[in-house]
């Protein structure tokens, strides 16, 4: 899936005002079907302070144009982080495509050949996102103002 917000490359563990290296704790579990067995990844949680880069570490990148999504997530009863996994490879090989806090971004991957998992957002990440929104302001949906008289009968 093409997306303007691609996963940033990760050479080392980082934390800035808009990027945070987070380790995703994933476990491959066997699922017994009626006729055969399959395997499925389960998200167990996050490590906010990974010691080194590995295949489970991904960068949570915040974008200014997704602030409305972040506010929606943060105002929910239990805010979530979403991990997108690539299903194109062997099912036992972990390939994290992206880590996002925007439900709409994660949703775009759900109807494709990707697996989207979610888990409760840690409080430290919630505070970090609130600070990001505070620095850049709330993103309000701006509707274009209709020109005077448009769609109405003109008064003379």
N, C-alpha and C. Protein backbone atom coordinates (compact mmCIF):
# COMPACT_ATOMS: atom_id res chain seq x y z
N UNK A 1 0.85 -1.17 0.00
CA UNK A 1 0.00 0.00 0.00
C UNK A 1 0.89 1.23 0.00
N UNK A 2 0.64 2.14 -0.91
CA UNK A 2 1.39 3.38 -0.99
C UNK A 2 0.82 4.36 0.01
N UNK A 3 1.69 5.05 0.71
CA UNK A 3 1.25 6.05 1.68
C UNK A 3 2.30 7.13 1.75
N UNK A 4 1.87 8.37 1.84
CA UNK A 4 2.82 9.47 1.93
C UNK A 4 3.57 9.43 3.25
N UNK A 5 3.01 8.77 4.24
CA UNK A 5 3.66 8.65 5.55
C UNK A 5 4.26 7.26 5.64
N UNK A 6 5.48 7.10 5.15
CA UNK A 6 6.12 5.80 5.20
C UNK A 6 6.91 5.65 6.48
N UNK A 7 7.21 4.43 6.81
CA UNK A 7 7.97 4.13 8.02
C UNK A 7 9.36 4.73 7.90
N UNK A 8 9.77 5.59 8.83
CA UNK A 8 11.12 6.15 8.79
C UNK A 8 12.16 5.06 8.98
N UNK A 9 13.29 5.21 8.30
CA UNK A 9 14.35 4.22 8.48
C UNK A 9 14.92 4.35 9.89
N UNK A 10 15.37 3.25 10.42
CA UNK A 10 15.80 3.23 11.81
C UNK A 10 17.24 2.74 11.88
N UNK A 11 18.16 3.64 12.15
CA UNK A 11 19.56 3.28 12.29
C UNK A 11 19.94 3.15 13.76
N UNK A 12 19.25 3.91 14.61
CA UNK A 12 19.52 3.86 16.04
C UNK A 12 18.25 4.26 16.80
N UNK A 13 18.22 3.98 18.06
CA UNK A 13 17.06 4.30 18.91
C UNK A 13 16.98 5.81 19.09
N UNK A 14 15.78 6.38 18.86
CA UNK A 14 15.62 7.83 18.92
C UNK A 14 14.36 8.21 19.70
N UNK A 15 14.37 9.44 20.21
CA UNK A 15 13.17 10.07 20.73
C UNK A 15 13.35 11.57 20.55
N UNK A 16 12.48 12.15 19.71
CA UNK A 16 12.48 13.58 19.46
C UNK A 16 11.06 14.09 19.70
N UNK A 17 10.79 15.34 19.34
CA UNK A 17 9.43 15.86 19.55
C UNK A 17 8.40 15.22 18.63
N UNK A 18 8.83 14.57 17.54
CA UNK A 18 7.85 13.94 16.64
C UNK A 18 8.20 12.50 16.24
N UNK A 19 9.27 11.94 16.78
CA UNK A 19 9.66 10.56 16.47
C UNK A 19 10.09 9.84 17.74
N UNK A 20 9.64 8.58 17.88
CA UNK A 20 9.99 7.81 19.07
C UNK A 20 10.17 6.34 18.66
N UNK A 21 11.35 5.80 18.92
CA UNK A 21 11.61 4.37 18.68
C UNK A 21 10.94 3.56 19.79
N UNK A 22 10.06 2.66 19.39
CA UNK A 22 9.31 1.85 20.34
C UNK A 22 9.41 0.39 19.92
N UNK A 23 9.70 -0.46 20.90
CA UNK A 23 9.76 -1.89 20.61
C UNK A 23 8.38 -2.50 20.80
N UNK A 24 7.94 -3.25 19.81
CA UNK A 24 6.64 -3.91 19.86
C UNK A 24 6.85 -5.36 20.30
N UNK A 25 6.21 -5.74 21.38
CA UNK A 25 6.31 -7.12 21.86
C UNK A 25 5.23 -7.94 21.17
N UNK A 26 5.67 -8.76 20.22
CA UNK A 26 4.77 -9.59 19.43
C UNK A 26 5.07 -11.06 19.67
N UNK A 27 4.02 -11.86 19.61
CA UNK A 27 4.17 -13.29 19.82
C UNK A 27 3.40 -14.02 18.73
N UNK A 28 4.04 -15.02 18.15
CA UNK A 28 3.39 -15.84 17.14
C UNK A 28 2.65 -16.97 17.86
N UNK A 29 1.33 -17.02 17.69
CA UNK A 29 0.52 -18.03 18.37
C UNK A 29 -0.13 -18.95 17.35
N UNK A 30 -0.22 -20.20 17.73
CA UNK A 30 -0.86 -21.20 16.88
C UNK A 30 -2.37 -21.13 17.08
N UNK A 31 -3.09 -21.08 15.99
CA UNK A 31 -4.55 -21.03 16.03
C UNK A 31 -5.08 -22.34 15.43
N UNK A 32 -5.81 -23.10 16.22
CA UNK A 32 -6.34 -24.37 15.74
C UNK A 32 -7.65 -24.14 14.99
N UNK A 33 -7.64 -24.50 13.73
CA UNK A 33 -8.85 -24.42 12.93
C UNK A 33 -9.56 -25.77 12.92
N UNK A 34 -10.67 -25.84 12.21
CA UNK A 34 -11.43 -27.09 12.17
C UNK A 34 -10.66 -28.17 11.41
N UNK A 35 -9.99 -27.77 10.32
CA UNK A 35 -9.29 -28.76 9.50
C UNK A 35 -7.78 -28.60 9.49
N UNK A 36 -7.28 -27.44 9.85
CA UNK A 36 -5.84 -27.22 9.84
C UNK A 36 -5.46 -26.18 10.88
N UNK A 37 -4.16 -26.04 11.07
CA UNK A 37 -3.66 -25.08 12.05
C UNK A 37 -3.04 -23.89 11.31
N UNK A 38 -3.25 -22.72 11.84
CA UNK A 38 -2.64 -21.52 11.29
C UNK A 38 -1.90 -20.80 12.41
N UNK A 39 -1.13 -19.81 12.02
CA UNK A 39 -0.36 -19.02 12.98
C UNK A 39 -0.79 -17.58 12.86
N UNK A 40 -0.78 -16.89 13.98
CA UNK A 40 -1.22 -15.50 14.00
C UNK A 40 -0.35 -14.70 14.98
N UNK A 41 0.01 -13.48 14.56
CA UNK A 41 0.77 -12.60 15.45
C UNK A 41 -0.17 -11.93 16.44
N UNK A 42 0.25 -11.84 17.69
CA UNK A 42 -0.50 -11.12 18.73
C UNK A 42 0.41 -10.06 19.32
N UNK A 43 -0.15 -8.88 19.54
CA UNK A 43 0.59 -7.76 20.13
C UNK A 43 0.37 -7.80 21.64
N UNK A 44 1.48 -7.92 22.38
CA UNK A 44 1.40 -8.06 23.83
C UNK A 44 1.69 -6.77 24.58
N UNK A 45 2.28 -5.78 23.90
CA UNK A 45 2.61 -4.52 24.56
C UNK A 45 3.80 -3.85 23.91
N UNK A 46 4.34 -2.84 24.61
CA UNK A 46 5.42 -2.02 24.06
C UNK A 46 6.52 -1.80 25.08
N UNK A 47 7.75 -1.64 24.58
CA UNK A 47 8.88 -1.21 25.39
C UNK A 47 9.26 0.17 24.87
N UNK A 48 9.10 1.19 25.71
CA UNK A 48 9.35 2.57 25.29
C UNK A 48 10.82 2.94 25.33
N UNK A 49 11.65 2.07 25.87
CA UNK A 49 13.09 2.36 25.99
C UNK A 49 13.92 1.17 25.50
N UNK A 50 13.79 0.82 24.20
CA UNK A 50 14.59 -0.31 23.71
C UNK A 50 16.08 0.01 23.79
N UNK A 51 16.88 -0.98 24.11
CA UNK A 51 18.32 -0.79 24.26
C UNK A 51 19.04 -0.78 22.92
N UNK A 52 18.49 -1.49 21.94
CA UNK A 52 19.12 -1.54 20.63
C UNK A 52 18.06 -1.76 19.56
N UNK A 53 18.45 -1.51 18.33
CA UNK A 53 17.55 -1.70 17.20
C UNK A 53 17.45 -3.19 16.89
N UNK A 54 16.23 -3.66 16.68
CA UNK A 54 15.99 -5.04 16.23
C UNK A 54 14.73 -5.03 15.38
N UNK A 55 14.31 -6.19 14.89
CA UNK A 55 13.16 -6.24 13.98
C UNK A 55 11.85 -5.85 14.65
N UNK A 56 11.80 -5.83 15.97
CA UNK A 56 10.58 -5.45 16.68
C UNK A 56 10.52 -3.96 17.00
N UNK A 57 11.59 -3.22 16.72
CA UNK A 57 11.61 -1.79 17.01
C UNK A 57 11.14 -1.03 15.78
N UNK A 58 10.18 -0.14 16.00
CA UNK A 58 9.65 0.69 14.93
C UNK A 58 9.58 2.12 15.43
N UNK A 59 9.52 3.06 14.51
CA UNK A 59 9.45 4.48 14.88
C UNK A 59 8.01 4.95 14.81
N UNK A 60 7.52 5.48 15.91
CA UNK A 60 6.22 6.16 15.91
C UNK A 60 6.50 7.59 15.48
N UNK A 61 6.05 7.94 14.28
CA UNK A 61 6.27 9.26 13.70
C UNK A 61 4.96 10.03 13.77
N UNK A 62 5.00 11.23 14.35
CA UNK A 62 3.80 12.07 14.40
C UNK A 62 3.86 13.07 13.25
N UNK A 63 2.71 13.28 12.62
CA UNK A 63 2.59 14.21 11.50
C UNK A 63 1.58 15.29 11.85
N UNK A 64 1.89 16.50 11.45
CA UNK A 64 1.00 17.62 11.78
C UNK A 64 -0.37 17.47 11.14
N UNK A 65 -0.45 16.87 9.96
CA UNK A 65 -1.75 16.74 9.29
C UNK A 65 -2.61 15.61 9.87
N UNK A 66 -2.11 14.89 10.87
CA UNK A 66 -2.89 13.84 11.52
C UNK A 66 -3.32 14.21 12.94
N UNK A 67 -3.18 15.48 13.29
CA UNK A 67 -3.50 15.91 14.67
C UNK A 67 -4.95 15.64 15.05
N UNK A 68 -5.87 15.76 14.10
CA UNK A 68 -7.27 15.48 14.39
C UNK A 68 -7.44 14.00 14.76
N UNK A 69 -6.76 13.11 14.04
CA UNK A 69 -6.80 11.68 14.37
C UNK A 69 -6.22 11.41 15.75
N UNK A 70 -5.12 12.08 16.07
CA UNK A 70 -4.49 11.89 17.38
C UNK A 70 -5.44 12.34 18.49
N UNK A 71 -6.08 13.49 18.30
CA UNK A 71 -7.01 14.00 19.31
C UNK A 71 -8.17 13.02 19.48
N UNK A 72 -8.70 12.50 18.37
CA UNK A 72 -9.79 11.53 18.43
C UNK A 72 -9.36 10.30 19.24
N UNK A 73 -8.16 9.80 18.97
CA UNK A 73 -7.64 8.63 19.68
C UNK A 73 -7.45 8.93 21.16
N UNK A 74 -6.82 10.06 21.46
CA UNK A 74 -6.54 10.42 22.86
C UNK A 74 -7.81 10.66 23.66
N UNK A 75 -8.88 11.10 23.00
CA UNK A 75 -10.12 11.39 23.71
C UNK A 75 -11.00 10.14 23.88
N UNK A 76 -10.56 9.02 23.32
CA UNK A 76 -11.33 7.78 23.48
C UNK A 76 -11.14 7.22 24.90
N UNK A 77 -11.98 6.28 25.26
CA UNK A 77 -11.90 5.67 26.59
C UNK A 77 -10.54 5.04 26.83
N UNK A 78 -10.02 4.33 25.84
CA UNK A 78 -8.71 3.70 25.95
C UNK A 78 -7.93 3.93 24.65
N UNK A 79 -7.08 4.96 24.61
CA UNK A 79 -6.29 5.23 23.39
C UNK A 79 -5.42 4.03 23.01
N UNK A 80 -5.21 3.87 21.71
CA UNK A 80 -4.49 2.71 21.17
C UNK A 80 -3.34 3.15 20.28
N UNK A 81 -2.34 2.27 20.18
CA UNK A 81 -1.32 2.34 19.14
C UNK A 81 -1.60 1.19 18.20
N UNK A 82 -1.33 1.41 16.91
CA UNK A 82 -1.62 0.41 15.89
C UNK A 82 -0.32 -0.03 15.22
N UNK A 83 -0.14 -1.33 15.09
CA UNK A 83 1.03 -1.90 14.43
C UNK A 83 0.54 -2.58 13.16
N UNK A 84 1.14 -2.21 12.02
CA UNK A 84 0.79 -2.80 10.73
C UNK A 84 1.89 -3.79 10.37
N UNK A 85 1.49 -5.05 10.12
CA UNK A 85 2.42 -6.11 9.76
C UNK A 85 2.20 -6.54 8.31
N UNK A 86 3.28 -6.85 7.62
CA UNK A 86 3.22 -7.32 6.24
C UNK A 86 2.92 -8.81 6.24
N UNK A 87 1.91 -9.22 5.48
CA UNK A 87 1.54 -10.63 5.39
C UNK A 87 2.10 -11.30 4.14
N UNK A 88 2.87 -10.58 3.34
CA UNK A 88 3.34 -11.13 2.06
C UNK A 88 4.42 -12.18 2.24
N UNK A 89 5.15 -12.13 3.33
CA UNK A 89 6.24 -13.08 3.56
C UNK A 89 5.73 -14.28 4.34
N UNK A 90 6.65 -15.16 4.69
CA UNK A 90 6.29 -16.31 5.52
C UNK A 90 5.63 -15.81 6.79
N UNK A 91 4.61 -16.52 7.24
CA UNK A 91 3.85 -16.06 8.40
C UNK A 91 4.68 -16.01 9.68
N UNK A 92 5.78 -16.77 9.74
CA UNK A 92 6.58 -16.77 10.96
C UNK A 92 7.70 -15.74 10.93
N UNK A 93 7.79 -14.96 9.85
CA UNK A 93 8.80 -13.91 9.75
C UNK A 93 8.12 -12.57 10.04
N UNK A 94 8.60 -11.89 11.06
CA UNK A 94 8.00 -10.62 11.46
C UNK A 94 8.50 -9.49 10.58
N UNK A 95 7.58 -8.72 10.01
CA UNK A 95 7.93 -7.55 9.21
C UNK A 95 6.97 -6.42 9.56
N UNK A 96 7.41 -5.52 10.45
CA UNK A 96 6.58 -4.38 10.83
C UNK A 96 6.65 -3.34 9.73
N UNK A 97 5.50 -2.96 9.20
CA UNK A 97 5.42 -1.95 8.16
C UNK A 97 5.39 -0.56 8.79
N UNK A 98 4.59 -0.41 9.83
CA UNK A 98 4.49 0.89 10.50
C UNK A 98 3.85 0.77 11.86
N UNK A 99 4.15 1.78 12.66
CA UNK A 99 3.54 1.97 13.98
C UNK A 99 2.88 3.33 13.91
N UNK A 100 1.59 3.40 14.22
CA UNK A 100 0.88 4.67 14.11
C UNK A 100 -0.10 4.85 15.27
N UNK A 101 -0.42 6.11 15.53
CA UNK A 101 -1.44 6.44 16.53
C UNK A 101 -2.71 6.93 15.85
N UNK A 102 -2.71 6.95 14.51
CA UNK A 102 -3.87 7.43 13.75
C UNK A 102 -4.70 6.25 13.28
N UNK A 103 -5.90 6.15 13.80
CA UNK A 103 -6.78 5.03 13.45
C UNK A 103 -7.11 5.02 11.96
N UNK A 104 -7.26 6.20 11.35
CA UNK A 104 -7.59 6.25 9.93
C UNK A 104 -6.45 5.72 9.07
N UNK A 105 -5.21 5.97 9.48
CA UNK A 105 -4.06 5.44 8.75
C UNK A 105 -4.03 3.92 8.86
N UNK A 106 -4.22 3.40 10.06
CA UNK A 106 -4.25 1.95 10.27
C UNK A 106 -5.40 1.32 9.49
N UNK A 107 -6.52 2.01 9.44
CA UNK A 107 -7.70 1.50 8.75
C UNK A 107 -7.48 1.31 7.26
N UNK A 108 -6.63 2.14 6.66
CA UNK A 108 -6.36 2.00 5.23
C UNK A 108 -5.65 0.69 4.91
N UNK A 109 -5.00 0.10 5.88
CA UNK A 109 -4.28 -1.16 5.67
C UNK A 109 -5.16 -2.38 5.95
N UNK A 110 -6.28 -2.19 6.61
CA UNK A 110 -7.09 -3.33 7.05
C UNK A 110 -7.73 -4.11 5.91
N UNK A 111 -8.06 -3.46 4.81
CA UNK A 111 -8.71 -4.14 3.70
C UNK A 111 -7.71 -4.64 2.67
N UNK A 112 -6.45 -4.72 3.03
CA UNK A 112 -5.41 -5.17 2.12
C UNK A 112 -4.71 -6.38 2.71
N UNK A 113 -3.58 -6.75 2.15
CA UNK A 113 -2.85 -7.92 2.63
C UNK A 113 -1.94 -7.60 3.80
N UNK A 114 -2.44 -6.85 4.74
CA UNK A 114 -1.69 -6.50 5.93
C UNK A 114 -2.50 -6.90 7.16
N UNK A 115 -1.80 -7.13 8.25
CA UNK A 115 -2.45 -7.38 9.53
C UNK A 115 -2.28 -6.13 10.37
N UNK A 116 -3.36 -5.64 10.96
CA UNK A 116 -3.31 -4.47 11.83
C UNK A 116 -3.67 -4.92 13.24
N UNK A 117 -2.73 -4.70 14.16
CA UNK A 117 -2.93 -5.05 15.56
C UNK A 117 -2.95 -3.78 16.39
N UNK A 118 -3.67 -3.79 17.49
CA UNK A 118 -3.70 -2.62 18.37
C UNK A 118 -3.49 -3.06 19.80
N UNK A 119 -2.99 -2.10 20.59
CA UNK A 119 -2.79 -2.35 22.01
C UNK A 119 -2.90 -1.00 22.72
N UNK A 120 -3.24 -1.04 24.00
CA UNK A 120 -3.39 0.20 24.76
C UNK A 120 -2.14 1.06 24.67
N UNK A 121 -2.36 2.36 24.45
CA UNK A 121 -1.26 3.31 24.35
C UNK A 121 -0.71 3.61 25.74
N UNK A 122 0.61 3.47 25.93
CA UNK A 122 1.19 3.81 27.23
C UNK A 122 0.97 5.28 27.58
N UNK A 123 0.84 5.57 28.87
CA UNK A 123 0.60 6.95 29.33
C UNK A 123 1.70 7.90 28.89
N UNK A 124 2.94 7.45 28.86
CA UNK A 124 4.05 8.31 28.44
C UNK A 124 3.88 8.74 26.98
N UNK A 125 3.38 7.85 26.14
CA UNK A 125 3.14 8.18 24.73
C UNK A 125 1.97 9.16 24.63
N UNK A 126 0.94 8.97 25.45
CA UNK A 126 -0.19 9.90 25.45
C UNK A 126 0.28 11.31 25.80
N UNK A 127 1.11 11.43 26.82
CA UNK A 127 1.62 12.75 27.23
C UNK A 127 2.49 13.36 26.14
N UNK A 128 3.32 12.56 25.49
CA UNK A 128 4.18 13.01 24.40
C UNK A 128 3.34 13.52 23.23
N UNK A 129 2.25 12.81 22.91
CA UNK A 129 1.37 13.25 21.83
C UNK A 129 0.63 14.53 22.20
N UNK A 130 0.19 14.64 23.45
CA UNK A 130 -0.46 15.87 23.91
C UNK A 130 0.49 17.06 23.75
N UNK A 131 1.77 16.86 24.08
CA UNK A 131 2.76 17.93 23.93
C UNK A 131 2.93 18.30 22.47
N UNK A 132 2.93 17.31 21.57
CA UNK A 132 3.04 17.56 20.13
C UNK A 132 1.85 18.41 19.65
N UNK A 133 0.65 18.02 20.07
CA UNK A 133 -0.55 18.78 19.68
C UNK A 133 -0.49 20.18 20.28
N UNK A 134 -0.02 20.30 21.52
CA UNK A 134 0.11 21.61 22.16
C UNK A 134 1.07 22.53 21.43
N UNK A 135 2.18 21.98 20.95
CA UNK A 135 3.16 22.79 20.21
C UNK A 135 2.62 23.26 18.87
N UNK A 136 1.87 22.40 18.19
CA UNK A 136 1.43 22.70 16.83
C UNK A 136 -0.03 23.12 16.74
N UNK A 137 -0.76 23.08 17.85
CA UNK A 137 -2.16 23.49 17.85
C UNK A 137 -3.08 22.40 17.34
N UNK A 138 -4.33 22.57 17.66
CA UNK A 138 -5.34 21.62 17.19
C UNK A 138 -5.55 21.84 15.70
N UNK A 139 -5.71 20.75 14.97
CA UNK A 139 -6.01 20.83 13.55
C UNK A 139 -7.52 20.77 13.40
N UNK A 140 -8.10 21.87 13.01
CA UNK A 140 -9.55 21.94 12.85
C UNK A 140 -9.91 21.74 11.40
N UNK A 141 -11.00 21.05 11.19
CA UNK A 141 -11.49 20.88 9.83
C UNK A 141 -11.99 22.23 9.35
N UNK A 142 -11.37 22.76 8.32
CA UNK A 142 -11.74 24.08 7.81
C UNK A 142 -12.66 23.90 6.62
N UNK A 143 -13.82 24.47 6.73
CA UNK A 143 -14.77 24.43 5.62
C UNK A 143 -14.71 25.75 4.90
N UNK A 144 -14.73 25.66 3.60
CA UNK A 144 -14.70 26.89 2.82
C UNK A 144 -16.01 27.64 2.99
N UNK A 145 -15.89 28.92 3.20
CA UNK A 145 -17.06 29.75 3.36
C UNK A 145 -17.70 29.97 2.00
N UNK A 146 -19.00 29.77 1.96
CA UNK A 146 -19.69 30.00 0.69
C UNK A 146 -19.69 31.48 0.39
N UNK A 147 -19.64 31.77 -0.90
CA UNK A 147 -19.69 33.19 -1.23
C UNK A 147 -21.11 33.70 -1.00
N UNK A 148 -21.18 34.96 -0.71
CA UNK A 148 -22.46 35.57 -0.37
C UNK A 148 -23.45 35.38 -1.51
N UNK A 149 -24.61 34.88 -1.16
CA UNK A 149 -25.66 34.70 -2.14
C UNK A 149 -25.61 33.37 -2.87
N UNK A 150 -24.57 32.59 -2.69
CA UNK A 150 -24.47 31.31 -3.38
C UNK A 150 -25.53 30.36 -2.86
N UNK A 151 -26.34 29.84 -3.77
CA UNK A 151 -27.36 28.87 -3.39
C UNK A 151 -28.61 29.51 -2.81
N UNK A 152 -28.66 30.82 -2.76
CA UNK A 152 -29.84 31.51 -2.24
C UNK A 152 -30.36 32.48 -3.29
N UNK A 153 -31.60 32.81 -3.16
CA UNK A 153 -32.11 33.82 -4.09
C UNK A 153 -31.57 35.17 -3.66
N UNK A 154 -31.19 35.96 -4.61
CA UNK A 154 -30.61 37.27 -4.31
C UNK A 154 -31.68 38.25 -3.88
N UNK A 155 -31.36 39.01 -2.86
CA UNK A 155 -32.28 40.04 -2.41
C UNK A 155 -31.83 41.35 -2.99
N UNK A 156 -32.78 42.14 -3.46
CA UNK A 156 -32.44 43.44 -4.06
C UNK A 156 -33.12 44.55 -3.35
